Amino acid sequence: MIIIITGTPGTGKTAVSKELVNILNKNGKEKFKLIHLNDEILSRKLWSSVDKKRKSKNADMRKLKKFISEQSKENKNLVIESHLAHYFGGDLVFVLRAGINELRNRMKMRGWSEAKIEENLEAERLNLILGESLDIHGSGCIEIDTTGKTAKAVAKRIMKSLGGFL
């Protein structure tokens, strides 16, 4: 099973996916591998260009698709997390959301510039990742609000949704 965890930056994808994999690997018969897609982009050089204005690297979607395909051949059970993860195939897609004020605070705590914060808040306001996820995955998409919740509580909520699939 391939589980996708996606959402606007700051919604808790990394922390939730770690908790989820811990729960899955404690309770399940088959082990899940966690892929932090953004880390893989940097470490495996799965990017095509540099955005100097944003001080970031632009992912090469073809290289990413190939990487995920290789990983899914090696590991039947994956949890893939990233704000880009919804662009790839999965059995279920969880779109994490958070209130604008909480997102702003989380981004400020990361030391992000005001321009970067506003760009990401706008994406959340416009439901950008949710809309893309629904367009790509349809009914295999589940939205979860992380506002005021711990990563463990959100992971448990995801586990309830996975109940019939595991």
Protein backbone atom coordinates (compact mmCIF):
# COMPACT_ATOMS: atom_id res chain seq x y z
CA MET A 1 0.00 0.00 0.00
CA ILE A 2 1.25 3.49 -0.86
CA ILE A 3 0.03 6.24 1.46
CA ILE A 4 0.54 9.85 0.41
CA ILE A 5 0.77 12.64 3.01
CA THR A 6 0.60 16.06 1.37
CA GLY A 7 -0.37 19.62 2.18
CA THR A 8 0.86 23.18 2.31
CA PRO A 9 4.22 23.62 4.06
CA GLY A 10 3.72 23.88 7.81
CA THR A 11 0.65 21.65 8.07
CA GLY A 12 2.58 18.90 9.89
CA LYS A 13 3.37 16.42 7.11
CA THR A 14 6.81 15.42 8.37
CA ALA A 15 5.87 14.97 12.02
CA VAL A 16 2.59 13.20 11.20
CA SER A 17 4.20 10.83 8.69
CA LYS A 18 6.87 9.83 11.26
CA GLU A 19 4.18 9.10 13.85
CA LEU A 20 2.09 7.22 11.29
CA VAL A 21 4.97 4.96 10.24
CA ASN A 22 5.78 4.26 13.90
CA ILE A 23 2.16 3.20 14.52
CA LEU A 24 1.95 1.18 11.30
CA ASN A 25 5.20 -0.65 12.01
CA LYS A 26 4.21 -1.45 15.61
CA ASN A 27 0.73 -2.69 14.79
CA GLY A 28 1.07 -4.20 11.34
CA LYS A 29 2.44 -7.42 9.95
CA GLU A 30 4.17 -5.72 7.06
CA LYS A 31 6.66 -2.88 7.51
CA PHE A 32 6.23 0.54 5.95
CA LYS A 33 9.09 2.65 4.65
CA LEU A 34 8.87 6.43 5.05
CA ILE A 35 10.05 8.61 2.19
CA HIS A 36 10.57 12.31 2.89
CA LEU A 37 10.42 13.38 -0.74
CA ASN A 38 11.96 16.83 -0.17
CA ASP A 39 15.02 15.25 1.48
CA GLU A 40 15.36 12.82 -1.42
CA ILE A 41 15.15 15.67 -3.93
CA LEU A 42 18.17 17.31 -2.31
CA SER A 43 20.26 14.24 -1.45
CA ARG A 44 19.74 12.46 -4.78
CA LYS A 45 19.85 15.64 -6.88
CA LEU A 46 16.32 15.10 -8.21
CA TRP A 47 16.00 18.75 -9.16
CA SER A 48 16.30 20.51 -12.49
CA SER A 49 17.05 24.14 -11.68
CA VAL A 50 17.50 26.67 -8.88
CA ASP A 51 15.00 29.40 -8.08
CA LYS A 52 17.33 32.18 -6.92
CA LYS A 53 14.49 34.43 -5.78
CA ARG A 54 13.02 31.76 -3.48
CA LYS A 55 16.43 30.23 -2.69
CA SER A 56 15.12 26.77 -3.51
CA LYS A 57 15.57 23.98 -5.99
CA ASN A 58 12.89 23.07 -8.52
CA ALA A 59 12.07 19.37 -8.49
CA ASP A 60 12.51 17.38 -11.68
CA MET A 61 9.17 15.58 -11.81
CA ARG A 62 10.39 12.93 -14.26
CA LYS A 63 13.30 12.01 -11.99
CA LEU A 64 10.96 11.97 -9.00
CA LYS A 65 8.49 9.70 -10.77
CA LYS A 66 11.30 7.29 -11.65
CA PHE A 67 12.61 7.38 -8.07
CA ILE A 68 9.17 6.62 -6.61
CA SER A 69 8.63 3.84 -9.15
CA GLU A 70 11.93 2.24 -8.10
CA GLN A 71 11.06 2.59 -4.42
CA SER A 72 7.64 1.02 -4.89
CA LYS A 73 9.25 -1.99 -6.61
CA GLU A 74 11.61 -2.45 -3.64
CA ASN A 75 9.01 -1.74 -0.95
CA LYS A 76 5.37 -2.75 -1.23
CA ASN A 77 4.37 -0.46 1.66
CA LEU A 78 5.36 3.19 1.51
CA VAL A 79 4.41 6.43 3.20
CA ILE A 80 5.46 9.32 0.98
CA GLU A 81 5.33 12.83 2.40
CA SER A 82 5.86 16.18 0.69
CA HIS A 83 3.92 19.12 -0.63
CA LEU A 84 4.58 17.46 -4.02
CA ALA A 85 3.63 13.89 -3.04
CA HIS A 86 0.07 14.15 -4.40
CA TYR A 87 1.45 14.34 -7.95
CA PHE A 88 2.34 10.65 -7.72
CA GLY A 89 0.32 7.47 -7.49
CA GLY A 90 -0.90 6.22 -4.16
CA ASP A 91 -3.67 4.11 -2.73
CA LEU A 92 -4.85 6.87 -0.40
CA VAL A 93 -3.94 10.55 -0.24
CA PHE A 94 -4.20 12.51 2.99
CA VAL A 95 -4.19 16.27 2.54
CA LEU A 96 -3.22 17.98 5.78
CA ARG A 97 -4.68 21.44 6.37
CA ALA A 98 -4.23 24.02 9.13
CA GLY A 99 -5.72 27.34 10.09
CA ILE A 100 -4.02 30.39 8.61
CA ASN A 101 -2.94 31.87 11.97
CA GLU A 102 -1.41 28.60 13.10
CA LEU A 103 0.34 28.14 9.75
CA ARG A 104 1.73 31.66 9.94
CA ASN A 105 3.11 30.98 13.43
CA ARG A 106 4.68 27.68 12.36
CA MET A 107 6.34 29.33 9.36
CA LYS A 108 7.62 32.24 11.45
CA MET A 109 9.12 29.73 13.90
CA ARG A 110 11.02 28.26 10.94
CA GLY A 111 12.48 31.69 10.21
CA TRP A 112 10.88 32.02 6.79
CA SER A 113 10.77 35.37 5.02
CA GLU A 114 7.47 37.25 4.98
CA ALA A 115 7.26 36.79 1.19
CA LYS A 116 7.64 33.00 1.50
CA ILE A 117 5.08 32.90 4.31
CA GLU A 118 2.55 34.89 2.30
CA GLU A 119 3.05 32.76 -0.80
CA ASN A 120 2.36 29.57 1.15
CA LEU A 121 -0.56 31.07 3.08
CA GLU A 122 -2.12 32.09 -0.23
CA ALA A 123 -1.78 28.50 -1.47
CA GLU A 124 -3.61 27.32 1.65
CA ARG A 125 -6.33 29.97 1.33
CA LEU A 126 -6.94 28.90 -2.28
CA ASN A 127 -7.06 25.20 -1.35
CA LEU A 128 -4.35 24.66 -3.96
CA ILE A 129 -3.02 21.28 -2.84
CA LEU A 130 -6.45 19.97 -1.90
CA GLY A 131 -7.80 20.95 -5.33
CA GLU A 132 -4.90 19.36 -7.16
CA SER A 133 -5.18 16.23 -5.04
CA LEU A 134 -8.89 15.89 -5.76
CA ASP A 135 -8.29 16.44 -9.48
CA ILE A 136 -5.63 13.73 -9.56
CA HIS A 137 -6.95 11.20 -7.02
CA GLY A 138 -10.68 11.92 -6.71
CA SER A 139 -12.38 9.96 -3.96
CA GLY A 140 -9.08 8.46 -2.78
CA CYS A 141 -8.35 11.80 -1.13
CA ILE A 142 -9.01 12.56 2.55
CA GLU A 143 -8.68 16.05 4.05
CA ILE A 144 -7.54 16.34 7.68
CA ASP A 145 -7.37 19.55 9.74
CA THR A 146 -4.25 19.60 11.92
CA THR A 147 -5.03 22.90 13.67
CA GLY A 148 -4.39 22.56 17.38
CA LYS A 149 -3.69 18.83 17.12
CA THR A 150 -0.55 16.87 17.90
CA ALA A 151 1.17 14.81 15.22
CA LYS A 152 0.25 11.67 17.18
CA ALA A 153 -3.46 12.61 17.24
CA VAL A 154 -3.45 13.24 13.48
CA ALA A 155 -1.61 9.95 12.84
CA LYS A 156 -4.25 8.12 14.90
CA ARG A 157 -6.97 9.81 12.83
CA ILE A 158 -5.26 8.60 9.66
CA MET A 159 -5.06 5.09 11.12
CA LYS A 160 -8.84 5.11 11.59
CA SER A 161 -9.24 6.01 7.93
CA LEU A 162 -6.86 3.22 6.95
CA GLY A 163 -8.75 0.63 8.98
CA GLY A 164 -10.53 -0.97 6.05
CA PHE A 165 -7.46 -0.91 3.80
CA LEU A 166 -4.86 -2.58 5.99
